[in-house]
């Protein structure tokens, strides 16, 4: 690192758990963020600020007026623009030294290729089919998955390493049948709840890269923002999970 980087990241480098070696790991890391909405917005800004060297941001959507209440990386002037283009401008304004790759065409045909390039994947999407596809790619490519969901005053957060023996994957938690998608469009959400969970996604991603502290691997944190209540439950591998069984994990 040059003197400018040492100064930029000095408050992180001062942490004995990080230091120069840890900061260099972050600078060498590649992280894929899928969904630049309520969760992806704070995640993207904090990961750029923290010095993740290569951030790949994926979203096919454009900015709408109704997004602005919680998707804080987008501004009023961005309405109608691709979310990834809007986000890239803000991320580079925060930290011009990071590399940012934008994707508007991430799909089942190319997701494995992109996941394979990454040290961590963040899932900030809002439907089960997409989450299942992301999970499968992460299991196949042996890539840690940091998953979050928010609605109303509620949030969930977990880290999945389903490719490891006895560790559950996302589909162990949510079977592919019997689930109904609930969205903010139909149910509403209080803006800072998305900020809380998106920020914690960024935190968990950094902790996974640096192997720090409690990483929520095989655990689910449930957040009730209305009562400000946090609880964590243990997750078990589902012996009937179609992904784990298919891959003989």
Protein backbone atom coordinates (compact mmCIF):
# COMPACT_ATOMS: atom_id res chain seq x y z
CA UNK A 1 0.00 0.00 0.00
CA UNK A 2 1.15 3.52 -0.73
CA UNK A 3 0.88 6.39 1.76
CA UNK A 4 -2.52 7.48 0.45
CA UNK A 5 -3.99 4.04 1.03
CA UNK A 6 -2.39 3.81 4.45
CA UNK A 7 -4.08 7.08 5.34
CA UNK A 8 -7.43 6.18 3.76
CA UNK A 9 -7.70 2.89 5.65
CA UNK A 10 -5.80 3.98 8.77
CA UNK A 11 -8.74 3.53 11.15
CA UNK A 12 -9.17 -0.07 10.03
CA UNK A 13 -5.43 -0.77 10.03
CA UNK A 14 -5.29 0.42 13.65
CA UNK A 15 -7.48 -2.53 14.62
CA UNK A 16 -5.16 -5.37 15.69
CA UNK A 17 -7.60 -7.86 14.15
CA UNK A 18 -7.08 -6.17 10.77
CA UNK A 19 -3.68 -4.47 10.53
CA UNK A 20 -1.87 -3.92 7.25
CA UNK A 21 -2.03 -7.61 6.36
CA UNK A 22 -5.80 -7.70 6.80
CA UNK A 23 -6.29 -4.52 4.84
CA UNK A 24 -4.21 -6.00 2.04
CA UNK A 25 -6.52 -9.04 2.03
CA UNK A 26 -9.48 -6.72 1.54
CA UNK A 27 -7.70 -4.92 -1.28
CA UNK A 28 -7.00 -8.28 -2.92
CA UNK A 29 -10.59 -9.53 -2.50
CA UNK A 30 -13.37 -9.79 -5.07
CA UNK A 31 -16.97 -9.55 -3.90
CA UNK A 32 -20.14 -10.04 -5.94
CA UNK A 33 -23.23 -8.08 -4.86
CA UNK A 34 -26.45 -9.30 -6.46
CA UNK A 35 -29.18 -6.69 -6.17
CA UNK A 36 -28.43 -2.98 -5.69
CA UNK A 37 -31.62 -2.14 -3.83
CA UNK A 38 -32.44 -1.63 -0.18
CA UNK A 39 -29.87 -4.19 0.99
CA UNK A 40 -27.28 -3.76 -1.74
CA UNK A 41 -27.14 0.04 -1.42
CA UNK A 42 -25.52 0.24 2.04
CA UNK A 43 -23.52 -2.94 1.41
CA UNK A 44 -22.01 -1.48 -1.75
CA UNK A 45 -21.09 1.83 -0.15
CA UNK A 46 -19.49 0.31 2.93
CA UNK A 47 -17.56 -2.33 0.99
CA UNK A 48 -16.23 0.32 -1.39
CA UNK A 49 -15.28 2.53 1.54
CA UNK A 50 -13.62 -0.37 3.37
CA UNK A 51 -11.37 -1.05 0.39
CA UNK A 52 -12.63 -4.25 -1.22
CA UNK A 53 -10.40 -4.25 -4.27
CA UNK A 54 -12.90 -5.54 -6.86
CA UNK A 55 -16.65 -5.15 -6.49
CA UNK A 56 -18.93 -6.79 -9.03
CA UNK A 57 -22.45 -5.35 -8.83
CA UNK A 58 -25.36 -7.05 -10.58
CA UNK A 59 -28.88 -5.75 -11.15
CA UNK A 60 -31.06 -5.64 -14.27
CA UNK A 61 -33.41 -2.93 -12.98
CA UNK A 62 -33.65 0.84 -13.32
CA UNK A 63 -34.10 3.40 -10.56
CA UNK A 64 -37.70 4.36 -9.77
CA UNK A 65 -39.09 7.07 -7.53
CA UNK A 66 -40.46 4.51 -5.06
CA UNK A 67 -36.92 3.05 -4.63
CA UNK A 68 -35.46 6.22 -3.14
CA UNK A 69 -37.03 5.82 0.31
CA UNK A 70 -34.66 2.94 1.17
CA UNK A 71 -32.20 2.45 -1.72
CA UNK A 72 -29.89 5.16 -0.49
CA UNK A 73 -27.18 4.79 -3.12
CA UNK A 74 -29.59 6.20 -5.72
CA UNK A 75 -30.62 9.86 -5.93
CA UNK A 76 -33.60 11.65 -7.46
CA UNK A 77 -31.57 12.57 -10.54
CA UNK A 78 -30.89 8.85 -11.11
CA UNK A 79 -34.52 7.95 -11.82
CA UNK A 80 -34.63 5.99 -15.09
CA UNK A 81 -30.94 5.04 -15.00
CA UNK A 82 -29.63 1.50 -14.63
CA UNK A 83 -29.13 0.82 -10.93
CA UNK A 84 -25.64 -0.56 -11.51
CA UNK A 85 -24.57 2.61 -13.35
CA UNK A 86 -26.06 4.83 -10.65
CA UNK A 87 -24.38 2.79 -7.90
CA UNK A 88 -20.99 2.74 -9.63
CA UNK A 89 -20.85 6.54 -9.72
CA UNK A 90 -21.48 6.80 -5.96
CA UNK A 91 -19.07 3.99 -5.08
CA UNK A 92 -16.24 5.58 -7.07
CA UNK A 93 -17.02 8.95 -5.49
CA UNK A 94 -16.49 7.29 -2.10
CA UNK A 95 -13.37 5.40 -3.18
CA UNK A 96 -11.90 5.93 -6.68
CA UNK A 97 -9.28 3.25 -6.05
CA UNK A 98 -11.63 0.25 -6.15
CA UNK A 99 -12.40 -1.65 -9.35
CA UNK A 100 -16.11 -1.93 -10.12
CA UNK A 101 -17.63 -4.28 -12.68
CA UNK A 102 -21.31 -3.82 -13.56
CA UNK A 103 -23.64 -6.61 -14.73
CA UNK A 104 -27.17 -6.24 -16.06
CA UNK A 105 -27.39 -9.74 -17.50
CA UNK A 106 -26.52 -12.09 -14.62
CA UNK A 107 -28.55 -15.27 -15.22
CA UNK A 108 -28.54 -19.02 -14.77
CA UNK A 109 -26.28 -19.43 -17.81
CA UNK A 110 -23.42 -17.28 -16.51
CA UNK A 111 -23.83 -17.06 -12.74
CA UNK A 112 -21.40 -19.92 -12.03
CA UNK A 113 -18.72 -18.17 -14.06
CA UNK A 114 -19.09 -14.94 -12.05
CA UNK A 115 -19.41 -16.63 -8.65
CA UNK A 116 -16.23 -18.58 -9.35
CA UNK A 117 -14.30 -15.30 -9.60
CA UNK A 118 -15.34 -14.17 -6.11
CA UNK A 119 -14.27 -14.59 -2.50
CA UNK A 120 -17.77 -13.82 -1.19
CA UNK A 121 -21.25 -13.35 -2.68
CA UNK A 122 -23.91 -11.07 -1.17
CA UNK A 123 -27.53 -11.89 -2.00
CA UNK A 124 -29.72 -8.80 -1.81
CA UNK A 125 -32.52 -10.10 -4.04
CA UNK A 126 -36.17 -10.48 -3.14
CA UNK A 127 -37.51 -13.72 -4.64
CA UNK A 128 -36.92 -17.37 -3.87
CA UNK A 129 -36.15 -18.59 -7.39
CA UNK A 130 -33.25 -16.14 -7.72
CA UNK A 131 -32.00 -16.93 -4.21
CA UNK A 132 -32.05 -20.66 -4.97
CA UNK A 133 -30.02 -20.10 -8.15
CA UNK A 134 -27.48 -17.96 -6.28
CA UNK A 135 -27.23 -20.55 -3.53
CA UNK A 136 -26.65 -23.40 -5.97
CA UNK A 137 -23.88 -21.49 -7.74
CA UNK A 138 -22.20 -20.70 -4.42
CA UNK A 139 -22.35 -24.34 -3.31
CA UNK A 140 -21.00 -25.60 -6.64
CA UNK A 141 -18.19 -23.03 -6.70
CA UNK A 142 -17.37 -23.32 -2.96
CA UNK A 143 -18.00 -19.61 -2.40
CA UNK A 144 -19.35 -18.22 0.89
CA UNK A 145 -22.84 -16.70 0.58
CA UNK A 146 -23.98 -13.82 2.80
CA UNK A 147 -27.76 -13.75 2.58
CA UNK A 148 -30.19 -11.19 3.98
CA UNK A 149 -33.88 -10.43 3.67
CA UNK A 150 -36.05 -7.56 4.92
CA UNK A 151 -39.74 -6.75 5.01
CA UNK A 152 -41.90 -4.49 7.17
CA UNK A 153 -39.93 -4.15 10.46
CA UNK A 154 -38.25 -7.56 10.13
CA UNK A 155 -34.92 -8.82 8.86
CA UNK A 156 -32.88 -12.02 8.59
CA UNK A 157 -29.18 -12.57 8.07
CA UNK A 158 -27.02 -15.65 7.64
CA UNK A 159 -23.76 -16.87 6.12
CA UNK A 160 -23.86 -20.12 4.19
CA UNK A 161 -20.99 -22.47 3.40
CA UNK A 162 -23.13 -25.33 2.19
CA UNK A 163 -20.20 -26.90 0.37
CA UNK A 164 -18.64 -27.83 3.73
CA UNK A 165 -19.54 -31.09 5.44
CA UNK A 166 -22.47 -30.76 7.87
CA UNK A 167 -23.01 -27.09 6.97
CA UNK A 168 -26.46 -26.12 5.65
CA UNK A 169 -26.99 -24.26 2.41
CA UNK A 170 -29.73 -21.68 1.83
CA UNK A 171 -32.09 -24.31 0.42
CA UNK A 172 -31.72 -26.39 3.57
CA UNK A 173 -33.44 -23.49 5.33
CA UNK A 174 -36.08 -22.81 2.67
CA UNK A 175 -37.34 -25.80 0.67
CA UNK A 176 -38.21 -25.06 -2.95
CA UNK A 177 -41.89 -25.87 -2.40
CA UNK A 178 -44.37 -24.24 -0.07
CA UNK A 179 -42.74 -20.80 -0.08
CA UNK A 180 -44.47 -17.64 -1.20
CA UNK A 181 -42.51 -14.53 -2.09
CA UNK A 182 -43.33 -11.50 0.01
CA UNK A 183 -42.07 -8.19 -1.28
CA UNK A 184 -41.81 -4.63 -0.03
CA UNK A 185 -44.13 -3.63 -2.86
CA UNK A 186 -46.99 -5.56 -1.29
CA UNK A 187 -46.09 -5.39 2.40
CA UNK A 188 -44.04 -2.23 2.92
CA UNK A 189 -40.78 -1.66 4.77
CA UNK A 190 -39.36 0.94 7.11
CA UNK A 191 -36.31 2.40 5.38
CA UNK A 192 -33.66 2.00 8.14
CA UNK A 193 -34.45 -1.71 8.49
CA UNK A 194 -32.98 -2.27 5.02
CA UNK A 195 -30.01 -0.12 6.06
CA UNK A 196 -29.45 -2.22 9.20
CA UNK A 197 -29.41 -5.53 7.37
CA UNK A 198 -27.45 -4.28 4.36
CA UNK A 199 -24.78 -2.84 6.64
CA UNK A 200 -24.60 -6.13 8.55
CA UNK A 201 -24.20 -7.97 5.24
CA UNK A 202 -21.15 -5.84 4.49
CA UNK A 203 -19.83 -6.47 8.00
CA UNK A 204 -20.24 -10.23 7.72
CA UNK A 205 -18.56 -10.23 4.30
CA UNK A 206 -15.48 -8.50 5.69
CA UNK A 207 -15.43 -10.87 8.65
CA UNK A 208 -15.57 -13.88 6.32
CA UNK A 209 -12.70 -12.53 4.19
CA UNK A 210 -10.58 -11.85 7.28
CA UNK A 211 -11.89 -14.86 9.25
CA UNK A 212 -12.92 -12.69 12.21
CA UNK A 213 -15.31 -13.26 15.08
CA UNK A 214 -18.82 -14.67 14.84
CA UNK A 215 -19.58 -15.11 11.16
CA UNK A 216 -23.14 -16.56 11.43
CA UNK A 217 -22.10 -19.66 9.48
CA UNK A 218 -24.87 -22.20 9.95
CA UNK A 219 -26.85 -19.70 12.04
CA UNK A 220 -29.75 -17.39 11.31
CA UNK A 221 -30.02 -13.96 12.94
CA UNK A 222 -33.60 -12.72 13.17
CA UNK A 223 -34.14 -9.01 13.70
CA UNK A 224 -37.35 -7.42 14.99
CA UNK A 225 -36.69 -3.72 14.52
CA UNK A 226 -40.02 -2.68 16.00
CA UNK A 227 -39.11 -4.11 19.41
CA UNK A 228 -35.35 -3.87 18.71
CA UNK A 229 -34.96 -7.55 19.40
CA UNK A 230 -32.19 -9.75 17.98
CA UNK A 231 -32.06 -13.53 18.26
CA UNK A 232 -29.90 -16.17 16.62
CA UNK A 233 -30.95 -19.75 15.92
CA UNK A 234 -28.85 -22.73 14.86
CA UNK A 235 -29.47 -24.13 11.38
CA UNK A 236 -29.12 -27.79 10.48
CA UNK A 237 -28.36 -29.43 7.17
CA UNK A 238 -31.51 -30.84 5.57
CA UNK A 239 -30.95 -34.47 4.62
CA UNK A 240 -33.59 -34.04 1.90
CA UNK A 241 -32.11 -30.83 0.46
CA UNK A 242 -32.09 -31.14 -3.35
CA UNK A 243 -28.85 -29.16 -3.70
CA UNK A 244 -26.87 -31.00 -1.02
CA UNK A 245 -28.13 -34.39 -2.16
CA UNK A 246 -27.49 -33.67 -5.81
CA UNK A 247 -23.91 -32.69 -5.04
CA UNK A 248 -23.45 -35.48 -2.46
CA UNK A 249 -22.44 -33.08 0.31
